[in-house]
Amino acid sequence: MTSNPRFRKLLDILPVLTFVLLVFGSFALCAGSIDADVRSVETLYRAGKYTEARDAGLALLSNRLDEMPQKKAALCAHFVNKACGSMTPDDMDSALLGLEKFMSFKSLTIDQTASDVVSAAVWRYLNAKRYEEGVSAADRMLALEWTYPQGRVKVLVAKAMCLDRLKRYGDAANAFVQVTDEAKDGYKLNYANTCCAVRCLVLQAQADNGWEKAADGWVKLVAGWDGADPGHAAGKETDLSKALHRDIVPNLGATEAVAGLAAKASEAIPRCLATPFRCYELQKAAAAFAVCSGDKDLTGGTLRILYETCPAEFFEDTVDFVANAFKRTDGSLVRANRFLDYVKLGTVGPDGKAGTDDDGASPFPAGSVNLSPEVASAYQEALGAEWKETWQDKRALATLHRYMGEPQSALRLLSEAFALAPMEPGPLQAVAGDMTNVLIQLSGNPADGERLNLFLKFGKDGQDGKAGTEDDLTDPRQPFLEMAQ
């Protein structure tokens, strides 16, 4: 039987096959063992055995990291960190040891799982007040290949905060601005981080006189802010606005670069339509930059848009801002007083009737709103976005039309927003306030604002609720809504 050539050939290759099977078998056993060991770390953590989970995870990361797939190593480091954070007191040193072990993984590529671990490491250094190590860890990780770029911004924020604590204000501001550049319409900075970033901009500008850079950074940061300010009272100026108008704007000169900043602020508005408050902050910044630039035509145009688009809760502050801007630009009170008369009496004048001798005039440039090609393009792109049938989206779209100088379309959309808004004071007052301002802009008669408020409150039958009586009301929006159709 052994003389059979084919059988002898099989016998010849049996040792090779045996070796191959043993190798593959050992790999399978090793992989299975690692998988089971990582699951054991997780099981210990979830059972509340934090010390055992920490020790088992650290042993794996210290002794078998080279044998582990990246995902398993990331999970192991994650549960070591969670276990350390659940201990009393928090075992910061062990957590960082485990996270650093993972970050030493060969050929590390930052996917979503790895991103969470890397981000946790930098935030750990920040919370431990080990700021230099935090910056170093962030730089090492940011230099790697990222297949999950959304996670980079969290590492950048932690790095920026470490740099701020080290009083490296310029580097901190640059890192915060980089967050807004990379995140675009994704991740948004919260209010505390945005204020920290603006403070760094101001401190760095005080050191190097780089006020134009600070202004440019302010625009990017406000556009990258989530728009929420937990401690902000409606109608009150935010700390972000104070930093711009108190610290940055007074140090800007009359240059073309400053005029360019006005355009940049305007271009950022379409990205902020979900929060009209941010749009207002950016438009007010555009107007302030225009005033600084000394360009009277630009100033007139930006002030017109600011006045015609301001949220109702900022109306009085806006009137003060515009009047002072006219005074500063003209060097006299003529146009400022004309503006204040326009606010009080509209274009119909003291008798409240159009076409009579006492009619007034707008102090703003006549004709359609003059938008730069870049701003007009940004607005058109925003118009083509997907809008939902909600009161928030209707109001946001109306805000866009207001910035485009299309008040009739804005009034129609605000009327639809009012119909969709819930029976709650906040939404109803916000939409009604916007409608009032747009209506007065269209009619030129401030008295129409009060007429609209009465109609919204009592309807066409008036306060007595009976049709055909003296207090019956008409909807002052109707002529303009018919024209919009």
Protein backbone atom coordinates (compact mmCIF):
# COMPACT_ATOMS: atom_id res chain seq x y z
CA MET A 1 0.00 0.00 0.00
CA THR A 2 2.85 2.32 0.84
CA SER A 3 4.28 1.71 -2.59
CA ASN A 4 1.40 3.67 -4.09
CA PRO A 5 2.98 6.92 -5.33
CA ARG A 6 -0.08 9.02 -4.60
CA PHE A 7 -0.30 7.69 -1.04
CA ARG A 8 3.41 8.34 -0.50
CA LYS A 9 2.91 11.93 -1.72
CA LEU A 10 0.06 12.38 0.80
CA LEU A 11 2.31 11.06 3.59
CA ASP A 12 4.98 13.51 2.51
CA ILE A 13 2.70 16.57 2.92
CA LEU A 14 1.02 15.43 6.16
CA PRO A 15 3.64 17.12 8.37
CA VAL A 16 3.12 20.37 6.49
CA LEU A 17 -0.67 20.15 6.84
CA THR A 18 -0.30 19.36 10.52
CA PHE A 19 1.92 22.40 11.04
CA VAL A 20 -0.53 24.69 9.19
CA LEU A 21 -3.46 23.39 11.22
CA LEU A 22 -1.56 23.88 14.45
CA VAL A 23 -0.68 27.48 13.50
CA PHE A 24 -4.23 28.36 12.51
CA GLY A 25 -5.54 26.60 15.56
CA SER A 26 -3.28 28.56 17.86
CA PHE A 27 -4.38 31.81 16.22
CA ALA A 28 -8.02 30.86 16.68
CA LEU A 29 -7.43 29.90 20.32
CA CYS A 30 -5.53 33.14 20.91
CA ALA A 31 -8.25 35.25 19.29
CA GLY A 32 -10.91 33.38 21.21
CA SER A 33 -9.00 33.83 24.45
CA ILE A 34 -8.58 37.59 23.90
CA ASP A 35 -12.23 37.98 23.03
CA ALA A 36 -13.22 36.12 26.18
CA ASP A 37 -10.78 38.12 28.31
CA VAL A 38 -12.10 41.46 27.03
CA ARG A 39 -15.67 40.28 27.65
CA SER A 40 -14.59 39.35 31.16
CA VAL A 41 -13.38 42.92 31.79
CA GLU A 42 -16.75 44.24 30.63
CA THR A 43 -18.63 41.69 32.75
CA LEU A 44 -16.66 42.65 35.85
CA TYR A 45 -17.33 46.33 35.23
CA ARG A 46 -21.06 45.81 34.72
CA ALA A 47 -21.19 43.69 37.89
CA GLY A 48 -19.79 46.62 39.85
CA LYS A 49 -16.45 44.90 40.48
CA TYR A 50 -14.48 47.96 39.46
CA THR A 51 -11.13 47.07 41.01
CA GLU A 52 -11.13 43.62 39.39
CA ALA A 53 -12.19 45.08 36.03
CA ARG A 54 -9.42 47.69 36.23
CA ASP A 55 -6.73 45.14 37.11
CA ALA A 56 -7.82 42.61 34.48
CA GLY A 57 -8.03 45.26 31.77
CA LEU A 58 -4.66 46.78 32.60
CA ALA A 59 -3.06 43.31 32.56
CA LEU A 60 -4.45 42.68 29.09
CA LEU A 61 -3.32 46.05 27.75
CA SER A 62 0.13 45.68 29.31
CA ASN A 63 0.88 42.08 28.34
CA ARG A 64 -1.14 41.24 25.24
CA LEU A 65 -1.68 44.50 23.37
CA ASP A 66 0.30 43.24 20.34
CA GLU A 67 -2.01 40.23 20.06
CA MET A 68 -5.23 42.24 20.20
CA PRO A 69 -7.24 43.62 17.29
CA GLN A 70 -7.58 47.39 17.57
CA LYS A 71 -11.31 47.25 18.31
CA LYS A 72 -10.79 44.82 21.21
CA ALA A 73 -7.97 46.97 22.60
CA ALA A 74 -10.22 50.05 22.39
CA LEU A 75 -13.05 48.26 24.22
CA CYS A 76 -10.65 47.05 26.90
CA ALA A 77 -9.29 50.60 27.45
CA HIS A 78 -12.83 51.95 27.46
CA PHE A 79 -13.96 49.64 30.27
CA VAL A 80 -10.78 50.24 32.27
CA ASN A 81 -11.55 53.97 32.06
CA LYS A 82 -15.20 53.43 33.03
CA ALA A 83 -14.22 51.21 35.95
CA CYS A 84 -11.68 53.75 37.23
CA GLY A 85 -14.22 56.53 36.94
CA SER A 86 -16.74 54.53 38.96
CA MET A 87 -14.35 54.05 41.88
CA THR A 88 -14.33 56.28 44.95
CA PRO A 89 -12.13 58.22 44.64
CA ASP A 90 -11.75 58.23 40.88
CA ASP A 91 -8.57 56.29 39.98
CA MET A 92 -7.27 58.88 37.52
CA ASP A 93 -3.74 57.46 37.24
CA SER A 94 -4.85 53.93 36.34
CA ALA A 95 -7.38 55.26 33.85
CA LEU A 96 -4.70 57.28 32.09
CA LEU A 97 -2.32 54.33 32.17
CA GLY A 98 -4.88 52.20 30.34
CA LEU A 99 -5.73 54.92 27.85
CA GLU A 100 -2.05 55.59 27.11
CA LYS A 101 -1.47 51.85 26.60
CA PHE A 102 -4.17 51.86 23.95
CA MET A 103 -2.76 54.98 22.28
CA SER A 104 0.55 53.15 21.86
CA PHE A 105 -1.18 50.60 19.62
CA LYS A 106 0.86 50.02 16.45
CA SER A 107 -0.60 51.43 13.21
CA LEU A 108 -3.47 53.02 15.13
CA THR A 109 -6.30 54.34 12.94
CA ILE A 110 -8.90 56.49 14.65
CA ASP A 111 -12.35 55.05 13.94
CA GLN A 112 -15.44 55.85 16.01
CA THR A 113 -14.56 53.41 18.83
CA ALA A 114 -10.96 54.59 19.02
CA SER A 115 -12.13 58.22 18.87
CA ASP A 116 -14.12 57.81 22.08
CA VAL A 117 -11.08 56.38 23.87
CA VAL A 118 -8.69 59.06 22.59
CA SER A 119 -11.13 61.83 23.49
CA ALA A 120 -11.52 60.37 26.98
CA ALA A 121 -7.74 60.43 27.43
CA VAL A 122 -7.36 64.13 26.63
CA TRP A 123 -10.34 65.06 28.81
CA ARG A 124 -8.81 62.98 31.63
CA TYR A 125 -5.60 65.00 31.42
CA LEU A 126 -7.64 68.21 31.44
CA ASN A 127 -9.61 67.19 34.54
CA ALA A 128 -6.40 66.03 36.26
CA LYS A 129 -4.87 69.49 35.57
CA ARG A 130 -2.05 67.79 33.64
CA TYR A 131 -2.41 70.25 30.81
CA GLU A 132 0.94 69.78 29.04
CA GLU A 133 0.34 66.03 28.82
CA GLY A 134 -3.16 66.69 27.52
CA VAL A 135 -1.86 68.87 24.72
CA SER A 136 0.82 66.30 23.89
CA ALA A 137 -1.70 63.43 23.78
CA ALA A 138 -4.05 65.48 21.60
CA ASP A 139 -1.29 66.40 19.14
CA ARG A 140 -0.11 62.77 18.87
CA MET A 141 -3.63 61.57 18.13
CA LEU A 142 -4.60 64.41 15.80
CA ALA A 143 -1.54 63.60 13.66
CA LEU A 144 -2.87 60.08 12.96
CA GLU A 145 -5.26 58.96 10.24
CA TRP A 146 -8.91 59.54 11.21
CA THR A 147 -11.69 57.56 9.55
CA TYR A 148 -14.16 59.21 11.94
CA PRO A 149 -13.47 62.94 11.54
CA GLN A 150 -16.51 63.88 13.65
CA GLY A 151 -14.57 62.75 16.71
CA ARG A 152 -11.62 65.05 16.05
CA VAL A 153 -13.54 68.11 17.22
CA LYS A 154 -13.99 66.70 20.74
CA VAL A 155 -10.24 66.18 21.00
CA LEU A 156 -9.65 69.70 19.65
CA VAL A 157 -12.01 71.21 22.26
CA ALA A 158 -10.19 69.42 25.10
CA LYS A 159 -6.84 70.51 23.66
CA ALA A 160 -8.04 74.11 23.42
CA MET A 161 -9.14 74.07 27.05
CA CYS A 162 -5.77 72.67 28.15
CA LEU A 163 -4.04 75.46 26.21
CA ASP A 164 -6.27 78.05 27.86
CA ARG A 165 -5.30 76.73 31.31
CA LEU A 166 -1.65 77.03 30.27
CA LYS A 167 -2.34 80.69 29.33
CA ARG A 168 -1.35 79.98 25.74
CA TYR A 169 -4.29 82.07 24.60
CA GLY A 170 -3.41 82.40 20.94
CA ASP A 171 -2.97 78.64 20.52
CA ALA A 172 -6.18 78.01 22.46
CA ALA A 173 -8.15 80.43 20.27
CA ASN A 174 -6.72 78.83 17.12
CA ALA A 175 -7.77 75.37 18.34
CA PHE A 176 -11.31 76.56 19.09
CA VAL A 177 -11.59 78.21 15.67
CA GLN A 178 -10.27 74.99 14.09
CA VAL A 179 -13.23 73.20 15.70
CA THR A 180 -15.65 75.48 13.84
CA ASP A 181 -13.69 75.08 10.58
CA GLU A 182 -13.73 71.27 10.77
CA ALA A 183 -17.20 70.78 12.24
CA LYS A 184 -19.06 73.05 9.79
CA ASP A 185 -22.76 72.23 10.36
CA GLY A 186 -22.08 69.22 12.56
CA TYR A 187 -20.70 69.62 16.08
CA LYS A 188 -21.54 72.95 17.76
CA LEU A 189 -19.66 74.59 20.61
CA ASN A 190 -21.69 75.16 23.78
CA TYR A 191 -21.95 78.61 25.31
CA ALA A 192 -19.26 78.10 27.95
CA ASN A 193 -16.71 76.90 25.37
CA THR A 194 -17.62 79.73 22.98
CA CYS A 195 -17.17 82.34 25.72
CA CYS A 196 -13.83 80.75 26.69
CA ALA A 197 -12.70 80.90 23.06
CA VAL A 198 -13.71 84.55 22.67
CA ARG A 199 -11.93 85.44 25.90
CA CYS A 200 -8.76 83.82 24.50
CA LEU A 201 -9.14 85.83 21.29
CA VAL A 202 -9.36 89.07 23.24
CA LEU A 203 -6.42 88.25 25.52
CA GLN A 204 -4.24 87.32 22.56
CA ALA A 205 -5.23 90.48 20.65
CA GLN A 206 -4.34 92.57 23.69
CA ALA A 207 -0.88 90.99 23.57
CA ASP A 208 -0.18 91.22 19.83
CA ASN A 209 -2.65 93.90 18.65
CA GLY A 210 -4.26 91.37 16.29
CA TRP A 211 -7.75 92.80 16.52
CA GLU A 212 -8.82 91.98 12.96
CA LYS A 213 -7.90 88.34 13.56
CA ALA A 214 -9.90 88.44 16.80
CA ALA A 215 -12.92 89.84 14.94
CA ASP A 216 -12.64 87.17 12.25
CA GLY A 217 -12.39 84.48 14.93
CA TRP A 218 -15.43 85.91 16.73
CA VAL A 219 -17.54 85.53 13.58
CA LYS A 220 -16.47 81.90 13.12
CA LEU A 221 -17.07 81.06 16.77
CA VAL A 222 -20.56 82.57 16.90
CA ALA A 223 -21.44 80.75 13.68
CA GLY A 224 -20.14 77.54 15.30
CA TRP A 225 -21.98 78.10 18.60
CA ASP A 226 -25.11 76.02 19.27
CA GLY A 227 -27.10 79.20 20.00
CA ALA A 228 -28.07 78.16 23.53
CA ASP A 229 -27.25 80.31 26.55
CA PRO A 230 -28.76 78.75 29.67
CA GLY A 231 -28.41 81.89 31.77
CA HIS A 232 -29.49 84.43 29.15
CA ALA A 233 -32.58 86.55 29.73
CA ALA A 234 -34.56 87.51 26.62
CA GLY A 235 -33.60 90.91 25.29
CA LYS A 236 -30.38 91.18 27.32
CA GLU A 237 -27.01 91.50 25.64
CA THR A 238 -24.92 88.33 25.84
CA ASP A 239 -21.35 88.15 27.09
CA LEU A 240 -20.34 87.23 23.52
CA SER A 241 -21.86 90.45 22.20
CA LYS A 242 -20.27 92.51 24.98
CA ALA A 243 -16.83 91.09 24.17
CA LEU A 244 -17.20 92.08 20.52
CA HIS A 245 -18.63 95.58 20.95
CA ARG A 246 -16.74 96.50 24.13
CA ASP A 247 -13.33 94.91 23.51
CA ILE A 248 -12.83 94.14 19.82
CA VAL A 249 -14.73 96.70 17.73
CA PRO A 250 -13.21 99.83 19.41
CA ASN A 251 -9.76 98.60 18.37
CA LEU A 252 -10.58 98.13 14.66
CA GLY A 253 -9.48 100.68 12.08
CA ALA A 254 -11.00 101.99 8.87
CA THR A 255 -9.58 99.38 6.48
CA GLU A 256 -10.78 97.26 3.59
CA ALA A 257 -10.11 94.18 5.71
CA VAL A 258 -12.63 95.39 8.28
CA ALA A 259 -15.17 95.99 5.52
CA GLY A 260 -14.50 92.40 4.44
CA LEU A 261 -15.35 91.23 7.94
CA ALA A 262 -18.85 92.65 7.48
CA ALA A 263 -19.31 90.41 4.44
CA LYS A 264 -17.99 87.37 6.36
CA ALA A 265 -20.47 87.96 9.17
CA SER A 266 -23.32 88.22 6.66
CA GLU A 267 -22.22 85.07 4.85
CA ALA A 268 -22.39 83.09 8.11
CA ILE A 269 -26.07 83.95 8.71
CA PRO A 270 -27.63 81.25 6.47
CA ARG A 271 -25.90 78.58 8.62
CA CYS A 272 -27.60 79.97 11.75
CA LEU A 273 -31.23 80.24 10.66
CA ALA A 274 -32.42 77.67 13.19
CA THR A 275 -31.63 80.24 15.89
CA PRO A 276 -32.63 83.76 14.75
CA PHE A 277 -30.81 85.08 17.82
CA ARG A 278 -27.45 84.05 16.30
CA CYS A 279 -28.45 85.65 13.00
CA TYR A 280 -29.09 88.88 14.87
CA GLU A 281 -25.71 88.75 16.63
CA LEU A 282 -23.94 88.23 13.31
CA GLN A 283 -25.86 91.01 11.53
CA LYS A 284 -25.15 93.40 14.40
CA ALA A 285 -21.48 92.47 14.07
CA ALA A 286 -21.65 93.12 10.31
CA ALA A 287 -23.11 96.56 10.97
CA ALA A 288 -20.44 97.34 13.59
CA PHE A 289 -17.67 96.32 11.19
CA ALA A 290 -19.22 98.45 8.44
CA VAL A 291 -19.30 101.49 10.74
CA CYS A 292 -15.64 100.95 11.64
CA SER A 293 -14.66 100.64 7.99
CA GLY A 294 -15.89 104.15 7.22
CA ASP A 295 -17.83 102.91 4.15
CA LYS A 296 -21.09 104.89 4.34
CA ASP A 297 -22.92 102.89 1.69
CA LEU A 298 -21.99 99.60 3.39
CA THR A 299 -22.98 101.06 6.75
CA GLY A 300 -26.40 102.18 5.52
CA GLY A 301 -27.13 98.80 3.98
CA THR A 302 -26.09 96.74 6.99
CA LEU A 303 -27.98 98.99 9.41
CA ARG A 304 -31.11 98.69 7.30
CA ILE A 305 -30.94 94.89 7.39
CA LEU A 306 -30.25 94.93 11.13
CA TYR A 307 -33.27 97.12 11.85
CA GLU A 308 -35.61 95.25 9.49
CA THR A 309 -34.64 91.80 10.75
CA CYS A 310 -34.08 92.24 14.50
CA PRO A 311 -36.02 89.91 16.81
CA ALA A 312 -38.78 91.71 18.70
CA GLU A 313 -37.04 91.27 22.06
CA PHE A 314 -34.04 93.27 20.80
CA PHE A 315 -36.01 96.06 19.14
CA GLU A 316 -35.17 98.82 21.65
CA ASP A 317 -31.48 97.93 21.79
CA THR A 318 -31.38 97.87 18.00
CA VAL A 319 -32.94 101.33 17.77
CA ASP A 320 -30.24 102.69 20.11
CA PHE A 321 -27.49 100.94 18.16
CA VAL A 322 -28.67 102.24 14.77
CA ALA A 323 -29.16 105.82 16.00
CA ASN A 324 -25.65 105.88 17.50
CA ALA A 325 -24.18 104.36 14.34
CA PHE A 326 -25.74 107.10 12.19
CA LYS A 327 -24.40 109.75 14.59
CA ARG A 328 -20.89 108.29 14.49
CA THR A 329 -20.87 107.84 10.71
CA ASP A 330 -22.30 111.28 9.86
CA GLY A 331 -20.75 113.33 12.63
CA SER A 332 -24.15 114.95 13.21
CA LEU A 333 -27.62 114.16 14.59
CA VAL A 334 -29.52 114.76 11.34
CA ARG A 335 -29.92 111.20 10.13
CA ALA A 336 -30.06 109.79 13.68
CA ASN A 337 -33.06 112.01 14.51
CA ARG A 338 -34.67 111.19 11.17
CA PHE A 339 -34.33 107.53 12.03
CA LEU A 340 -35.91 108.00 15.47
CA ASP A 341 -38.85 109.83 13.85
CA TYR A 342 -39.18 106.96 11.37
CA VAL A 343 -39.31 104.45 14.23
CA LYS A 344 -42.01 106.45 16.02
CA LEU A 345 -44.16 107.59 13.09
CA GLY A 346 -43.24 105.33 10.17
CA THR A 347 -43.60 106.73 6.68
CA VAL A 348 -47.20 107.86 7.19
CA GLY A 349 -46.20 110.71 9.52
CA PRO A 350 -48.07 112.16 12.54
CA ASP A 351 -51.55 111.93 10.98
CA GLY A 352 -51.18 108.17 10.37
CA LYS A 353 -52.27 108.52 6.73
CA ALA A 354 -50.21 107.83 3.65
CA GLY A 355 -50.09 110.39 0.84
CA THR A 356 -50.40 113.53 2.98
CA ASP A 357 -48.07 116.47 3.53
CA ASP A 358 -46.64 115.15 6.78
CA ASP A 359 -45.48 111.82 5.38
CA GLY A 360 -42.03 110.77 6.52
CA ALA A 361 -39.26 108.87 4.74
CA SER A 362 -37.00 105.99 5.59
CA PRO A 363 -33.43 107.02 6.47
CA PHE A 364 -32.13 103.86 4.85
CA PRO A 365 -31.01 103.36 1.24
CA ALA A 366 -33.99 103.03 -1.08
CA GLY A 367 -34.67 100.04 -3.29
CA SER A 368 -33.97 96.36 -2.76
CA VAL A 369 -31.45 95.12 -0.24
CA ASN A 370 -27.96 95.19 -1.73
CA LEU A 371 -26.38 91.78 -1.11
CA SER A 372 -22.89 90.81 -2.19
CA PRO A 373 -22.71 87.91 -4.69
CA GLU A 374 -21.27 85.64 -1.96
CA VAL A 375 -24.04 86.45 0.51
CA ALA A 376 -26.77 86.19 -2.14
CA SER A 377 -25.39 82.78 -3.18
CA ALA A 378 -25.35 81.58 0.44
CA TYR A 379 -28.97 82.66 0.89
CA GLN A 380 -30.09 80.92 -2.30
CA GLU A 381 -28.37 77.73 -1.18
CA ALA A 382 -30.20 77.94 2.15
CA LEU A 383 -33.53 78.40 0.34
CA GLY A 384 -32.95 75.08 -1.43
CA ALA A 385 -32.47 73.17 1.83
CA GLU A 386 -35.08 70.76 3.16
CA TRP A 387 -37.57 72.60 5.38
CA LYS A 388 -40.10 70.88 7.64
CA GLU A 389 -43.72 71.83 8.27
CA THR A 390 -43.02 73.05 11.79
CA TRP A 391 -43.37 76.49 13.34
CA GLN A 392 -39.62 76.57 14.02
CA ASP A 393 -38.73 75.93 10.37
CA LYS A 394 -41.40 78.34 9.14
CA ARG A 395 -39.94 81.05 11.37
CA ALA A 396 -36.40 80.21 10.27
CA LEU A 397 -37.39 80.41 6.60
CA ALA A 398 -39.17 83.70 7.28
CA THR A 399 -35.96 84.97 8.88
CA LEU A 400 -34.10 84.07 5.70
CA HIS A 401 -36.56 86.04 3.55
CA ARG A 402 -36.25 89.02 5.90
CA TYR A 403 -32.48 89.01 5.39
CA MET A 404 -33.02 88.79 1.65
CA GLY A 405 -35.24 91.89 1.76
CA GLU A 406 -38.46 90.01 1.00
CA PRO A 407 -40.86 91.04 3.80
CA GLN A 408 -44.06 89.91 2.04
CA SER A 409 -42.83 86.31 1.83
CA ALA A 410 -41.62 86.61 5.42
CA LEU A 411 -45.06 87.77 6.61
CA ARG A 412 -46.76 84.81 4.91
CA LEU A 413 -44.36 82.33 6.50
CA LEU A 414 -44.69 83.93 9.93
CA SER A 415 -48.47 83.70 9.67
CA GLU A 416 -48.07 79.98 8.95
CA ALA A 417 -45.64 79.66 11.86
CA PHE A 418 -48.16 81.33 14.19
CA ALA A 419 -50.82 78.83 13.12
CA LEU A 420 -48.48 75.90 13.83
CA ALA A 421 -46.99 77.22 17.09
CA PRO A 422 -48.05 75.55 20.36
CA MET A 423 -50.24 77.39 22.86
CA GLU A 424 -47.24 78.51 24.88
CA PRO A 425 -46.15 82.11 25.61
CA GLY A 426 -42.58 81.75 24.31
CA PRO A 427 -43.26 80.57 20.75
CA LEU A 428 -46.40 82.70 20.32
CA GLN A 429 -44.74 85.90 21.51
CA ALA A 430 -41.64 85.31 19.40
CA VAL A 431 -43.60 84.76 16.18
CA ALA A 432 -46.13 87.53 16.89
CA GLY A 433 -43.30 89.97 17.62
CA ASP A 434 -41.61 89.13 14.32
CA MET A 435 -44.91 89.50 12.45
CA THR A 436 -45.51 92.92 14.02
CA ASN A 437 -42.11 94.22 12.90
CA VAL A 438 -42.51 92.89 9.37
CA LEU A 439 -46.04 94.30 9.05
CA ILE A 440 -44.90 97.80 10.14
CA GLN A 441 -42.04 97.58 7.67
CA LEU A 442 -44.53 96.84 4.88
CA SER A 443 -47.25 99.32 5.81
CA GLY A 444 -45.04 102.11 7.10
CA ASN A 445 -47.53 102.65 9.93
CA PRO A 446 -46.54 101.73 13.52
CA ALA A 447 -50.22 101.75 14.50
CA ASP A 448 -50.66 98.58 12.42
CA GLY A 449 -48.57 96.76 14.98
CA GLU A 450 -51.16 97.39 17.71
CA ARG A 451 -53.98 96.50 15.30
CA LEU A 452 -52.32 93.18 14.58
CA ASN A 453 -51.85 92.41 18.27
CA LEU A 454 -55.55 93.07 18.92
CA PHE A 455 -56.59 90.92 15.97
CA LEU A 456 -54.38 88.03 17.06
CA LYS A 457 -55.82 88.25 20.58
CA PHE A 458 -59.55 88.81 19.87
CA GLY A 459 -60.10 87.83 16.22
CA LYS A 460 -62.40 89.55 13.74
CA ASP A 461 -65.33 89.86 16.21
CA GLY A 462 -63.30 92.04 18.56
CA GLN A 463 -63.19 92.06 22.33
CA ASP A 464 -66.95 91.57 22.83
CA GLY A 465 -66.87 88.39 20.71
CA LYS A 466 -69.91 89.52 18.67
CA ALA A 467 -69.98 90.08 14.93
CA GLY A 468 -71.42 93.30 13.53
CA THR A 469 -70.56 95.53 16.49
CA GLU A 470 -68.38 98.61 16.72
CA ASP A 471 -65.31 96.76 17.98
CA ASP A 472 -65.11 94.36 15.02
CA LEU A 473 -61.57 94.06 13.70
CA THR A 474 -59.94 93.54 10.33
CA ASP A 475 -56.70 91.68 9.82
CA PRO A 476 -54.08 94.31 8.88
CA ARG A 477 -51.95 91.57 7.28
CA GLN A 478 -54.54 90.67 4.66
CA PRO A 479 -53.59 93.13 1.86
CA PHE A 480 -49.95 92.08 2.04
CA LEU A 481 -50.73 88.37 2.29
CA GLU A 482 -52.86 88.65 -0.87
CA MET A 483 -49.98 90.41 -2.63
CA ALA A 484 -47.57 87.67 -1.50
CA GLN A 485 -49.78 85.03 -3.13
